[in-house]
Amino acid sequence: MLNKNTISSMVEKLQKRLFVRNIEGVPEDVKEGHFAVIAVDEYEERRFVVPVSYLKWDLFVKLLERAAEEYGFEHEGAVVIPCRPSELERILAQQEAQEKMLSCKPSCSFTKHC
């Protein structure tokens, strides 16, 4: 497993690549604040465009750690993640649902015990 300094360095490199790139070379589906990843296993490959905010998710960071160990981040273009596309899709849906639930917590304004 990578240590926190390595992860920070990895995220910093990714962020620099995302924000200091030639806008003309960016595909139209990659909006500002997003980046492309490609989930790859031995049978299938699928491209996803994800928000930069996903870099705060532990599960997503673990996938990036695996990508760094297997492929490194010294290449151009989308980040390649060694993961079945269906598994990445499941992880993203699960994390999005969890984040949505956390953002919809009721307020404690009328209760004494919060």
PDB file of N, CA and C in Angstrom:
ATOM      1  N   MET A   1       0.847  -1.187   0.000  1.00  0.00           N
ATOM      2  CA  MET A   1       0.000   0.000   0.000  1.00  0.00           C
ATOM      3  C   MET A   1       0.887   1.244   0.000  1.00  0.00           C
ATOM      4  N   LEU A   2       0.455   2.273  -0.686  1.00  0.00           N
ATOM      5  CA  LEU A   2       1.213   3.507  -0.773  1.00  0.00           C
ATOM      6  C   LEU A   2       0.995   4.342   0.486  1.00  0.00           C
ATOM      7  N   ASN A   3       2.021   5.107   0.856  1.00  0.00           N
ATOM      8  CA  ASN A   3       1.863   5.963   2.032  1.00  0.00           C
ATOM      9  C   ASN A   3       1.192   7.282   1.639  1.00  0.00           C
ATOM     10  N   LYS A   4       0.839   8.086   2.637  1.00  0.00           N
ATOM     11  CA  LYS A   4       0.097   9.325   2.384  1.00  0.00           C
ATOM     12  C   LYS A   4       0.887  10.303   1.528  1.00  0.00           C
ATOM     13  N   ASN A   5       2.222  10.371   1.691  1.00  0.00           N
ATOM     14  CA  ASN A   5       3.037  11.278   0.881  1.00  0.00           C
ATOM     15  C   ASN A   5       2.992  10.879  -0.584  1.00  0.00           C
ATOM     16  N   THR A   6       3.037   9.575  -0.842  1.00  0.00           N
ATOM     17  CA  THR A   6       2.978   9.094  -2.216  1.00  0.00           C
ATOM     18  C   THR A   6       1.625   9.414  -2.832  1.00  0.00           C
ATOM     19  N   ILE A   7       0.554   9.205  -2.070  1.00  0.00           N
ATOM     20  CA  ILE A   7      -0.789   9.504  -2.568  1.00  0.00           C
ATOM     21  C   ILE A   7      -0.915  11.002  -2.838  1.00  0.00           C
ATOM     22  N   SER A   8      -0.428  11.834  -1.923  1.00  0.00           N
ATOM     23  CA  SER A   8      -0.487  13.287  -2.119  1.00  0.00           C
ATOM     24  C   SER A   8       0.261  13.696  -3.374  1.00  0.00           C
ATOM     25  N   SER A   9       1.431  13.112  -3.572  1.00  0.00           N
ATOM     26  CA  SER A   9       2.226  13.406  -4.759  1.00  0.00           C
ATOM     27  C   SER A   9       1.490  12.982  -6.026  1.00  0.00           C
ATOM     28  N   MET A  10       0.879  11.805  -5.971  1.00  0.00           N
ATOM     29  CA  MET A  10       0.133  11.274  -7.106  1.00  0.00           C
ATOM     30  C   MET A  10      -1.044  12.186  -7.449  1.00  0.00           C
ATOM     31  N   VAL A  11      -1.797  12.604  -6.437  1.00  0.00           N
ATOM     32  CA  VAL A  11      -2.953  13.480  -6.650  1.00  0.00           C
ATOM     33  C   VAL A  11      -2.486  14.834  -7.173  1.00  0.00           C
ATOM     34  N   GLU A  12      -1.385  15.352  -6.630  1.00  0.00           N
ATOM     35  CA  GLU A  12      -0.849  16.634  -7.075  1.00  0.00           C
ATOM     36  C   GLU A  12      -0.454  16.584  -8.554  1.00  0.00           C
ATOM     37  N   LYS A  13       0.207  15.494  -8.973  1.00  0.00           N
ATOM     38  CA  LYS A  13       0.580  15.343 -10.384  1.00  0.00           C
ATOM     39  C   LYS A  13      -0.654  15.295 -11.263  1.00  0.00           C
ATOM     40  N   LEU A  14      -1.663  14.553 -10.820  1.00  0.00           N
ATOM     41  CA  LEU A  14      -2.901  14.444 -11.579  1.00  0.00           C
ATOM     42  C   LEU A  14      -3.570  15.810 -11.691  1.00  0.00           C
ATOM     43  N   GLN A  15      -3.631  16.545 -10.589  1.00  0.00           N
ATOM     44  CA  GLN A  15      -4.276  17.849 -10.612  1.00  0.00           C
ATOM     45  C   GLN A  15      -3.530  18.820 -11.516  1.00  0.00           C
ATOM     46  N   LYS A  16      -2.191  18.802 -11.476  1.00  0.00           N
ATOM     47  CA  LYS A  16      -1.415  19.666 -12.365  1.00  0.00           C
ATOM     48  C   LYS A  16      -1.707  19.341 -13.815  1.00  0.00           C
ATOM     49  N   ARG A  17      -1.754  18.062 -14.131  1.00  0.00           N
ATOM     50  CA  ARG A  17      -2.063  17.656 -15.504  1.00  0.00           C
ATOM     51  C   ARG A  17      -3.450  18.113 -15.908  1.00  0.00           C
ATOM     52  N   LEU A  18      -4.392  18.071 -14.973  1.00  0.00           N
ATOM     53  CA  LEU A  18      -5.774  18.446 -15.281  1.00  0.00           C
ATOM     54  C   LEU A  18      -5.924  19.941 -15.503  1.00  0.00           C
ATOM     55  N   PHE A  19      -5.210  20.747 -14.739  1.00  0.00           N
ATOM     56  CA  PHE A  19      -5.416  22.186 -14.776  1.00  0.00           C
ATOM     57  C   PHE A  19      -4.422  22.941 -15.650  1.00  0.00           C
ATOM     58  N   VAL A  20      -3.329  22.326 -16.045  1.00  0.00           N
ATOM     59  CA  VAL A  20      -2.328  23.000 -16.861  1.00  0.00           C
ATOM     60  C   VAL A  20      -2.242  22.312 -18.217  1.00  0.00           C
ATOM     61  N   ARG A  21      -3.362  22.047 -18.803  1.00  0.00           N
ATOM     62  CA  ARG A  21      -3.372  21.351 -20.078  1.00  0.00           C
ATOM     63  C   ARG A  21      -3.875  22.276 -21.173  1.00  0.00           C
ATOM     64  N   ASN A  22      -3.626  21.881 -22.383  1.00  0.00           N
ATOM     65  CA  ASN A  22      -4.077  22.636 -23.535  1.00  0.00           C
ATOM     66  C   ASN A  22      -5.568  22.389 -23.717  1.00  0.00           C
ATOM     67  N   ILE A  23      -6.381  23.413 -23.561  1.00  0.00           N
ATOM     68  CA  ILE A  23      -7.832  23.279 -23.638  1.00  0.00           C
ATOM     69  C   ILE A  23      -8.265  22.725 -24.998  1.00  0.00           C
ATOM     70  N   GLU A  24      -7.556  23.067 -26.063  1.00  0.00           N
ATOM     71  CA  GLU A  24      -7.932  22.576 -27.389  1.00  0.00           C
ATOM     72  C   GLU A  24      -7.799  21.061 -27.499  1.00  0.00           C
ATOM     73  N   GLY A  25      -6.929  20.442 -26.687  1.00  0.00           N
ATOM     74  CA  GLY A  25      -6.713  19.007 -26.755  1.00  0.00           C
ATOM     75  C   GLY A  25      -7.636  18.201 -25.859  1.00  0.00           C
ATOM     76  N   VAL A  26      -8.528  18.859 -25.149  1.00  0.00           N
ATOM     77  CA  VAL A  26      -9.418  18.179 -24.214  1.00  0.00           C
ATOM     78  C   VAL A  26     -10.701  17.770 -24.948  1.00  0.00           C
ATOM     79  N   PRO A  27     -11.094  16.507 -24.849  1.00  0.00           N
ATOM     80  CA  PRO A  27     -12.345  16.085 -25.490  1.00  0.00           C
ATOM     81  C   PRO A  27     -13.533  16.881 -24.950  1.00  0.00           C
ATOM     82  N   GLU A  28     -14.539  17.070 -25.774  1.00  0.00           N
ATOM     83  CA  GLU A  28     -15.701  17.880 -25.405  1.00  0.00           C
ATOM     84  C   GLU A  28     -16.452  17.345 -24.196  1.00  0.00           C
ATOM     85  N   ASP A  29     -16.440  16.033 -23.977  1.00  0.00           N
ATOM     86  CA  ASP A  29     -17.205  15.471 -22.861  1.00  0.00           C
ATOM     87  C   ASP A  29     -16.499  15.630 -21.517  1.00  0.00           C
ATOM     88  N   VAL A  30     -15.255  16.116 -21.513  1.00  0.00           N
ATOM     89  CA  VAL A  30     -14.525  16.336 -20.264  1.00  0.00           C
ATOM     90  C   VAL A  30     -14.685  17.809 -19.891  1.00  0.00           C
ATOM     91  N   LYS A  31     -15.680  18.065 -19.057  1.00  0.00           N
ATOM     92  CA  LYS A  31     -15.988  19.430 -18.639  1.00  0.00           C
ATOM     93  C   LYS A  31     -14.996  19.901 -17.581  1.00  0.00           C
ATOM     94  N   GLU A  32     -14.985  21.195 -17.332  1.00  0.00           N
ATOM     95  CA  GLU A  32     -14.124  21.756 -16.304  1.00  0.00           C
ATOM     96  C   GLU A  32     -14.440  21.093 -14.964  1.00  0.00           C
ATOM     97  N   GLY A  33     -13.396  20.757 -14.214  1.00  0.00           N
ATOM     98  CA  GLY A  33     -13.582  20.102 -12.925  1.00  0.00           C
ATOM     99  C   GLY A  33     -13.762  18.602 -13.033  1.00  0.00           C
ATOM    100  N   HIS A  34     -13.515  18.026 -14.199  1.00  0.00           N
ATOM    101  CA  HIS A  34     -13.653  16.594 -14.439  1.00  0.00           C
ATOM    102  C   HIS A  34     -12.372  16.048 -15.069  1.00  0.00           C
ATOM    103  N   PHE A  35     -12.214  14.745 -15.045  1.00  0.00           N
ATOM    104  CA  PHE A  35     -11.113  14.094 -15.750  1.00  0.00           C
ATOM    105  C   PHE A  35     -11.571  12.723 -16.208  1.00  0.00           C
ATOM    106  N   ALA A  36     -10.854  12.196 -17.180  1.00  0.00           N
ATOM    107  CA  ALA A  36     -11.225  10.909 -17.757  1.00  0.00           C
ATOM    108  C   ALA A  36     -10.386   9.793 -17.137  1.00  0.00           C
ATOM    109  N   VAL A  37     -11.039   8.669 -16.898  1.00  0.00           N
ATOM    110  CA  VAL A  37     -10.355   7.451 -16.468  1.00  0.00           C
ATOM    111  C   VAL A  37     -10.830   6.314 -17.372  1.00  0.00           C
ATOM    112  N   ILE A  38      -9.960   5.355 -17.563  1.00  0.00           N
ATOM    113  CA  ILE A  38     -10.314   4.183 -18.348  1.00  0.00           C
ATOM    114  C   ILE A  38     -10.179   2.967 -17.454  1.00  0.00           C
ATOM    115  N   ALA A  39     -11.291   2.274 -17.239  1.00  0.00           N
ATOM    116  CA  ALA A  39     -11.281   1.028 -16.467  1.00  0.00           C
ATOM    117  C   ALA A  39     -10.950  -0.095 -17.448  1.00  0.00           C
ATOM    118  N   VAL A  40      -9.954  -0.908 -17.090  1.00  0.00           N
ATOM    119  CA  VAL A  40      -9.465  -1.944 -17.994  1.00  0.00           C
ATOM    120  C   VAL A  40      -9.294  -3.246 -17.239  1.00  0.00           C
ATOM    121  N   ASP A  41      -9.819  -4.316 -17.812  1.00  0.00           N
ATOM    122  CA  ASP A  41      -9.438  -5.654 -17.370  1.00  0.00           C
ATOM    123  C   ASP A  41      -9.006  -6.409 -18.622  1.00  0.00           C
ATOM    124  N   GLU A  42      -8.748  -7.670 -18.511  1.00  0.00           N
ATOM    125  CA  GLU A  42      -8.210  -8.387 -19.670  1.00  0.00           C
ATOM    126  C   GLU A  42      -9.222  -8.559 -20.798  1.00  0.00           C
ATOM    127  N   TYR A  43     -10.502  -8.331 -20.545  1.00  0.00           N
ATOM    128  CA  TYR A  43     -11.527  -8.541 -21.561  1.00  0.00           C
ATOM    129  C   TYR A  43     -12.219  -7.280 -22.050  1.00  0.00           C
ATOM    130  N   GLU A  44     -12.197  -6.241 -21.251  1.00  0.00           N
ATOM    131  CA  GLU A  44     -13.010  -5.066 -21.556  1.00  0.00           C
ATOM    132  C   GLU A  44     -12.303  -3.798 -21.126  1.00  0.00           C
ATOM    133  N   GLU A  45     -12.654  -2.706 -21.786  1.00  0.00           N
ATOM    134  CA  GLU A  45     -12.129  -1.389 -21.435  1.00  0.00           C
ATOM    135  C   GLU A  45     -13.258  -0.385 -21.660  1.00  0.00           C
ATOM    136  N   ARG A  46     -13.449   0.529 -20.675  1.00  0.00           N
ATOM    137  CA  ARG A  46     -14.489   1.548 -20.813  1.00  0.00           C
ATOM    138  C   ARG A  46     -13.995   2.851 -20.202  1.00  0.00           C
ATOM    139  N   ARG A  47     -14.317   3.941 -20.858  1.00  0.00           N
ATOM    140  CA  ARG A  47     -13.888   5.272 -20.427  1.00  0.00           C
ATOM    141  C   ARG A  47     -15.002   5.928 -19.613  1.00  0.00           C
ATOM    142  N   PHE A  48     -14.602   6.578 -18.523  1.00  0.00           N
ATOM    143  CA  PHE A  48     -15.529   7.303 -17.657  1.00  0.00           C
ATOM    144  C   PHE A  48     -15.008   8.724 -17.502  1.00  0.00           C
ATOM    145  N   VAL A  49     -15.898   9.687 -17.397  1.00  0.00           N
ATOM    146  CA  VAL A  49     -15.529  11.067 -17.078  1.00  0.00           C
ATOM    147  C   VAL A  49     -16.074  11.332 -15.683  1.00  0.00           C
ATOM    148  N   VAL A  50     -15.167  11.644 -14.747  1.00  0.00           N
ATOM    149  CA  VAL A  50     -15.557  11.780 -13.345  1.00  0.00           C
ATOM    150  C   VAL A  50     -15.148  13.141 -12.794  1.00  0.00           C
ATOM    151  N   PRO A  51     -15.894  13.647 -11.827  1.00  0.00           N
ATOM    152  CA  PRO A  51     -15.537  14.927 -11.197  1.00  0.00           C
ATOM    153  C   PRO A  51     -14.249  14.804 -10.371  1.00  0.00           C
ATOM    154  N   VAL A  52     -13.509  15.889 -10.297  1.00  0.00           N
ATOM    155  CA  VAL A  52     -12.290  15.924  -9.489  1.00  0.00           C
ATOM    156  C   VAL A  52     -12.620  15.656  -8.023  1.00  0.00           C
ATOM    157  N   SER A  53     -13.840  15.966  -7.603  1.00  0.00           N
ATOM    158  CA  SER A  53     -14.242  15.742  -6.208  1.00  0.00           C
ATOM    159  C   SER A  53     -14.150  14.274  -5.809  1.00  0.00           C
ATOM    160  N   TYR A  54     -14.132  13.352  -6.778  1.00  0.00           N
ATOM    161  CA  TYR A  54     -14.006  11.923  -6.467  1.00  0.00           C
ATOM    162  C   TYR A  54     -12.654  11.609  -5.834  1.00  0.00           C
ATOM    163  N   LEU A  55     -11.697  12.525  -5.950  1.00  0.00           N
ATOM    164  CA  LEU A  55     -10.376  12.300  -5.360  1.00  0.00           C
ATOM    165  C   LEU A  55     -10.434  12.290  -3.833  1.00  0.00           C
ATOM    166  N   LYS A  56     -11.558  12.675  -3.259  1.00  0.00           N
ATOM    167  CA  LYS A  56     -11.689  12.633  -1.793  1.00  0.00           C
ATOM    168  C   LYS A  56     -12.255  11.299  -1.315  1.00  0.00           C
ATOM    169  N   TRP A  57     -12.732  10.458  -2.210  1.00  0.00           N
ATOM    170  CA  TRP A  57     -13.313   9.176  -1.841  1.00  0.00           C
ATOM    171  C   TRP A  57     -12.220   8.149  -1.610  1.00  0.00           C
ATOM    172  N   ASP A  58     -12.260   7.478  -0.474  1.00  0.00           N
ATOM    173  CA  ASP A  58     -11.260   6.460  -0.148  1.00  0.00           C
ATOM    174  C   ASP A  58     -11.205   5.336  -1.189  1.00  0.00           C
ATOM    175  N   LEU A  59     -12.363   4.836  -1.601  1.00  0.00           N
ATOM    176  CA  LEU A  59     -12.381   3.752  -2.588  1.00  0.00           C
ATOM    177  C   LEU A  59     -11.750   4.177  -3.912  1.00  0.00           C
ATOM    178  N   PHE A  60     -12.036   5.397  -4.342  1.00  0.00           N
ATOM    179  CA  PHE A  60     -11.480   5.878  -5.601  1.00  0.00           C
ATOM    180  C   PHE A  60      -9.970   6.075  -5.485  1.00  0.00           C
ATOM    181  N   VAL A  61      -9.525   6.591  -4.347  1.00  0.00           N
ATOM    182  CA  VAL A  61      -8.085   6.773  -4.118  1.00  0.00           C
ATOM    183  C   VAL A  61      -7.377   5.416  -4.124  1.00  0.00           C
ATOM    184  N   LYS A  62      -8.004   4.393  -3.561  1.00  0.00           N
ATOM    185  CA  LYS A  62      -7.413   3.045  -3.585  1.00  0.00           C
ATOM    186  C   LYS A  62      -7.259   2.544  -5.019  1.00  0.00           C
ATOM    187  N   LEU A  63      -8.244   2.830  -5.863  1.00  0.00           N
ATOM    188  CA  LEU A  63      -8.122   2.464  -7.271  1.00  0.00           C
ATOM    189  C   LEU A  63      -6.974   3.219  -7.931  1.00  0.00           C
ATOM    190  N   LEU A  64      -6.807   4.479  -7.582  1.00  0.00           N
ATOM    191  CA  LEU A  64      -5.689   5.256  -8.134  1.00  0.00           C
ATOM    192  C   LEU A  64      -4.343   4.717  -7.645  1.00  0.00           C
ATOM    193  N   GLU A  65      -4.310   4.254  -6.400  1.00  0.00           N
ATOM    194  CA  GLU A  65      -3.091   3.625  -5.885  1.00  0.00           C
ATOM    195  C   GLU A  65      -2.733   2.400  -6.724  1.00  0.00           C
ATOM    196  N   ARG A  66      -3.737   1.577  -7.008  1.00  0.00           N
ATOM    197  CA  ARG A  66      -3.499   0.385  -7.836  1.00  0.00           C
ATOM    198  C   ARG A  66      -3.020   0.787  -9.219  1.00  0.00           C
ATOM    199  N   ALA A  67      -3.610   1.842  -9.764  1.00  0.00           N
ATOM    200  CA  ALA A  67      -3.199   2.326 -11.085  1.00  0.00           C
ATOM    201  C   ALA A  67      -1.752   2.803 -11.058  1.00  0.00           C
ATOM    202  N   ALA A  68      -1.380   3.516  -9.994  1.00  0.00           N
ATOM    203  CA  ALA A  68      -0.006   4.010  -9.872  1.00  0.00           C
ATOM    204  C   ALA A  68       0.983   2.859  -9.771  1.00  0.00           C
ATOM    205  N   GLU A  69       0.620   1.829  -9.011  1.00  0.00           N
ATOM    206  CA  GLU A  69       1.501   0.671  -8.859  1.00  0.00           C
ATOM    207  C   GLU A  69       1.664  -0.076 -10.178  1.00  0.00           C
ATOM    208  N   GLU A  70       0.576  -0.193 -10.926  1.00  0.00           N
ATOM    209  CA  GLU A  70       0.618  -0.991 -12.151  1.00  0.00           C
ATOM    210  C   GLU A  70       1.102  -0.215 -13.370  1.00  0.00           C
ATOM    211  N   TYR A  71       0.639   1.055 -13.538  1.00  0.00           N
ATOM    212  CA  TYR A  71       0.933   1.807 -14.752  1.00  0.00           C
ATOM    213  C   TYR A  71       1.751   3.071 -14.535  1.00  0.00           C
ATOM    214  N   GLY A  72       1.739   3.634 -13.335  1.00  0.00           N
ATOM    215  CA  GLY A  72       2.367   4.926 -13.107  1.00  0.00           C
ATOM    216  C   GLY A  72       1.477   6.041 -13.645  1.00  0.00           C
ATOM    217  N   PHE A  73       1.918   7.281 -13.468  1.00  0.00           N
ATOM    218  CA  PHE A  73       1.152   8.433 -13.951  1.00  0.00           C
ATOM    219  C   PHE A  73       1.983   9.306 -14.875  1.00  0.00           C
ATOM    220  N   GLU A  74       2.956   8.744 -15.511  1.00  0.00           N
ATOM    221  CA  GLU A  74       3.824   9.521 -16.386  1.00  0.00           C
ATOM    222  C   GLU A  74       3.375   9.459 -17.841  1.00  0.00           C
ATOM    223  N   HIS A  75       2.118   9.206 -18.108  1.00  0.00           N
ATOM    224  CA  HIS A  75       1.607   9.134 -19.471  1.00  0.00           C
ATOM    225  C   HIS A  75       0.604  10.262 -19.715  1.00  0.00           C
ATOM    226  N   GLU A  76       0.299  10.515 -20.960  1.00  0.00           N
ATOM    227  CA  GLU A  76      -0.678  11.536 -21.340  1.00  0.00           C
ATOM    228  C   GLU A  76      -2.066  10.908 -21.453  1.00  0.00           C
ATOM    229  N   GLY A  77      -3.076  11.738 -21.357  1.00  0.00           N
ATOM    230  CA  GLY A  77      -4.436  11.264 -21.573  1.00  0.00           C
ATOM    231  C   GLY A  77      -5.098  10.762 -20.302  1.00  0.00           C
ATOM    232  N   ALA A  78      -6.094   9.922 -20.492  1.00  0.00           N
ATOM    233  CA  ALA A  78      -6.894   9.417 -19.378  1.00  0.00           C
ATOM    234  C   ALA A  78      -6.066   8.542 -18.448  1.00  0.00           C
ATOM    235  N   VAL A  79      -6.448   8.537 -17.191  1.00  0.00           N
ATOM    236  CA  VAL A  79      -5.823   7.676 -16.191  1.00  0.00           C
ATOM    237  C   VAL A  79      -6.367   6.264 -16.395  1.00  0.00           C
ATOM    238  N   VAL A  80      -5.482   5.290 -16.511  1.00  0.00           N
ATOM    239  CA  VAL A  80      -5.900   3.903 -16.703  1.00  0.00           C
ATOM    240  C   VAL A  80      -5.965   3.217 -15.344  1.00  0.00           C
ATOM    241  N   ILE A  81      -7.119   2.615 -15.039  1.00  0.00           N
ATOM    242  CA  ILE A  81      -7.346   1.949 -13.759  1.00  0.00           C
ATOM    243  C   ILE A  81      -7.523   0.453 -14.007  1.00  0.00           C
ATOM    244  N   PRO A  82      -6.736  -0.386 -13.318  1.00  0.00           N
ATOM    245  CA  PRO A  82      -6.874  -1.836 -13.481  1.00  0.00           C
ATOM    246  C   PRO A  82      -8.085  -2.362 -12.713  1.00  0.00           C
ATOM    247  N   CYS A  83      -9.240  -2.277 -13.342  1.00  0.00           N
ATOM    248  CA  CYS A  83     -10.504  -2.619 -12.681  1.00  0.00           C
ATOM    249  C   CYS A  83     -11.524  -2.946 -13.760  1.00  0.00           C
ATOM    250  N   ARG A  84     -12.351  -3.951 -13.521  1.00  0.00           N
ATOM    251  CA  ARG A  84     -13.422  -4.233 -14.480  1.00  0.00           C
ATOM    252  C   ARG A  84     -14.326  -3.010 -14.587  1.00  0.00           C
ATOM    253  N   PRO A  85     -14.695  -2.616 -15.799  1.00  0.00           N
ATOM    254  CA  PRO A  85     -15.577  -1.455 -15.955  1.00  0.00           C
ATOM    255  C   PRO A  85     -16.876  -1.569 -15.150  1.00  0.00           C
ATOM    256  N   SER A  86     -17.451  -2.759 -15.100  1.00  0.00           N
ATOM    257  CA  SER A  86     -18.692  -2.937 -14.336  1.00  0.00           C
ATOM    258  C   SER A  86     -18.449  -2.719 -12.839  1.00  0.00           C
ATOM    259  N   GLU A  87     -17.274  -3.095 -12.364  1.00  0.00           N
ATOM    260  CA  GLU A  87     -16.932  -2.888 -10.948  1.00  0.00           C
ATOM    261  C   GLU A  87     -16.747  -1.401 -10.653  1.00  0.00           C
ATOM    262  N   LEU A  88     -16.059  -0.679 -11.537  1.00  0.00           N
ATOM    263  CA  LEU A  88     -15.900   0.763 -11.345  1.00  0.00           C
ATOM    264  C   LEU A  88     -17.256   1.459 -11.379  1.00  0.00           C
ATOM    265  N   GLU A  89     -18.105   1.053 -12.290  1.00  0.00           N
ATOM    266  CA  GLU A  89     -19.449   1.625 -12.371  1.00  0.00           C
ATOM    267  C   GLU A  89     -20.215   1.399 -11.059  1.00  0.00           C
ATOM    268  N   ARG A  90     -20.094   0.190 -10.489  1.00  0.00           N
ATOM    269  CA  ARG A  90     -20.747  -0.129  -9.216  1.00  0.00           C
ATOM    270  C   ARG A  90     -20.188   0.736  -8.087  1.00  0.00           C
ATOM    271  N   ILE A  91     -18.867   0.878  -8.032  1.00  0.00           N
ATOM    272  CA  ILE A  91     -18.215   1.678  -6.989  1.00  0.00           C
ATOM    273  C   ILE A  91     -18.668   3.133  -7.083  1.00  0.00           C
ATOM    274  N   LEU A  92     -18.674   3.680  -8.288  1.00  0.00           N
ATOM    275  CA  LEU A  92     -19.079   5.077  -8.469  1.00  0.00           C
ATOM    276  C   LEU A  92     -20.535   5.285  -8.066  1.00  0.00           C
ATOM    277  N   ALA A  93     -21.413   4.369  -8.454  1.00  0.00           N
ATOM    278  CA  ALA A  93     -22.832   4.482  -8.093  1.00  0.00           C
ATOM    279  C   ALA A  93     -23.017   4.397  -6.582  1.00  0.00           C
ATOM    280  N   GLN A  94     -22.291   3.477  -5.953  1.00  0.00           N
ATOM    281  CA  GLN A  94     -22.381   3.297  -4.501  1.00  0.00           C
ATOM    282  C   GLN A  94     -21.901   4.557  -3.775  1.00  0.00           C
ATOM    283  N   GLN A  95     -20.772   5.099  -4.210  1.00  0.00           N
ATOM    284  CA  GLN A  95     -20.233   6.296  -3.562  1.00  0.00           C
ATOM    285  C   GLN A  95     -21.135   7.504  -3.780  1.00  0.00           C
ATOM    286  N   GLU A  96     -21.690   7.637  -4.991  1.00  0.00           N
ATOM    287  CA  GLU A  96     -22.595   8.749  -5.274  1.00  0.00           C
ATOM    288  C   GLU A  96     -23.844   8.668  -4.408  1.00  0.00           C
ATOM    289  N   ALA A  97     -24.379   7.468  -4.243  1.00  0.00           N
ATOM    290  CA  ALA A  97     -25.560   7.284  -3.397  1.00  0.00           C
ATOM    291  C   ALA A  97     -25.247   7.627  -1.947  1.00  0.00           C
ATOM    292  N   GLN A  98     -24.079   7.193  -1.486  1.00  0.00           N
ATOM    293  CA  GLN A  98     -23.675   7.479  -0.111  1.00  0.00           C
ATOM    294  C   GLN A  98     -23.499   8.985   0.089  1.00  0.00           C
ATOM    295  N   GLU A  99     -22.865   9.645  -0.867  1.00  0.00           N
ATOM    296  CA  GLU A  99     -22.664  11.086  -0.769  1.00  0.00           C
ATOM    297  C   GLU A  99     -24.002  11.829  -0.789  1.00  0.00           C
ATOM    298  N   LYS A 100     -24.931  11.364  -1.603  1.00  0.00           N
ATOM    299  CA  LYS A 100     -26.254  11.983  -1.676  1.00  0.00           C
ATOM    300  C   LYS A 100     -26.990  11.836  -0.341  1.00  0.00           C
ATOM    301  N   MET A 101     -26.883  10.644   0.271  1.00  0.00           N
ATOM    302  CA  MET A 101     -27.527  10.422   1.571  1.00  0.00           C
ATOM    303  C   MET A 101     -26.939  11.336   2.631  1.00  0.00           C
ATOM    304  N   LEU A 102     -25.627  11.519   2.618  1.00  0.00           N
ATOM    305  CA  LEU A 102     -24.982  12.376   3.609  1.00  0.00           C
ATOM    306  C   LEU A 102     -25.373  13.834   3.429  1.00  0.00           C
ATOM    307  N   SER A 103     -25.599  14.255   2.192  1.00  0.00           N
ATOM    308  CA  SER A 103     -25.968  15.647   1.953  1.00  0.00           C
ATOM    309  C   SER A 103     -27.435  15.923   2.280  1.00  0.00           C
ATOM    310  N   CYS A 104     -28.239  14.884   2.489  1.00  0.00           N
ATOM    311  CA  CYS A 104     -29.669  15.051   2.778  1.00  0.00           C
ATOM    312  C   CYS A 104     -30.002  14.804   4.244  1.00  0.00           C
ATOM    313  N   LYS A 105     -29.024  14.876   5.127  1.00  0.00           N
ATOM    314  CA  LYS A 105     -29.304  14.667   6.551  1.00  0.00           C
ATOM    315  C   LYS A 105     -30.243  15.754   7.057  1.00  0.00           C
ATOM    316  N   PRO A 106     -31.233  15.378   7.840  1.00  0.00           N
ATOM    317  CA  PRO A 106     -32.156  16.385   8.383  1.00  0.00           C
ATOM    318  C   PRO A 106     -31.440  17.263   9.417  1.00  0.00           C
ATOM    319  N   SER A 107     -31.901  18.476   9.525  1.00  0.00           N
ATOM    320  CA  SER A 107     -31.296  19.369  10.509  1.00  0.00           C
ATOM    321  C   SER A 107     -31.817  19.041  11.905  1.00  0.00           C
ATOM    322  N   CYS A 108     -31.119  19.515  12.895  1.00  0.00           N
ATOM    323  CA  CYS A 108     -31.464  19.234  14.296  1.00  0.00           C
ATOM    324  C   CYS A 108     -32.121  20.431  14.980  1.00  0.00           C
ATOM    325  N   SER A 109     -32.713  21.327  14.243  1.00  0.00           N
ATOM    326  CA  SER A 109     -33.202  22.571  14.809  1.00  0.00           C
ATOM    327  C   SER A 109     -34.321  22.404  15.837  1.00  0.00           C
ATOM    328  N   PHE A 110     -35.149  21.362  15.743  1.00  0.00           N
ATOM    329  CA  PHE A 110     -36.244  21.205  16.679  1.00  0.00           C
ATOM    330  C   PHE A 110     -36.044  20.107  17.703  1.00  0.00           C
ATOM    331  N   THR A 111     -34.900  19.474  17.696  1.00  0.00           N
ATOM    332  CA  THR A 111     -34.668  18.417  18.662  1.00  0.00           C
ATOM    333  C   THR A 111     -33.626  18.848  19.677  1.00  0.00           C
ATOM    334  N   LYS A 112     -33.746  18.274  20.840  1.00  0.00           N
ATOM    335  CA  LYS A 112     -32.811  18.611  21.904  1.00  0.00           C
ATOM    336  C   LYS A 112     -31.531  17.797  21.762  1.00  0.00           C
ATOM    337  N   HIS A 113     -31.630  16.559  21.310  1.00  0.00           N
ATOM    338  CA  HIS A 113     -30.484  15.660  21.215  1.00  0.00           C
ATOM    339  C   HIS A 113     -30.130  15.436  19.753  1.00  0.00           C
ATOM    340  N   CYS A 114     -28.969  15.891  19.321  1.00  0.00           N
ATOM    341  CA  CYS A 114     -28.532  15.739  17.937  1.00  0.00           C
ATOM    342  C   CYS A 114     -27.377  14.776  17.844  1.00  0.00           C
TER     343      CYS A 114
END
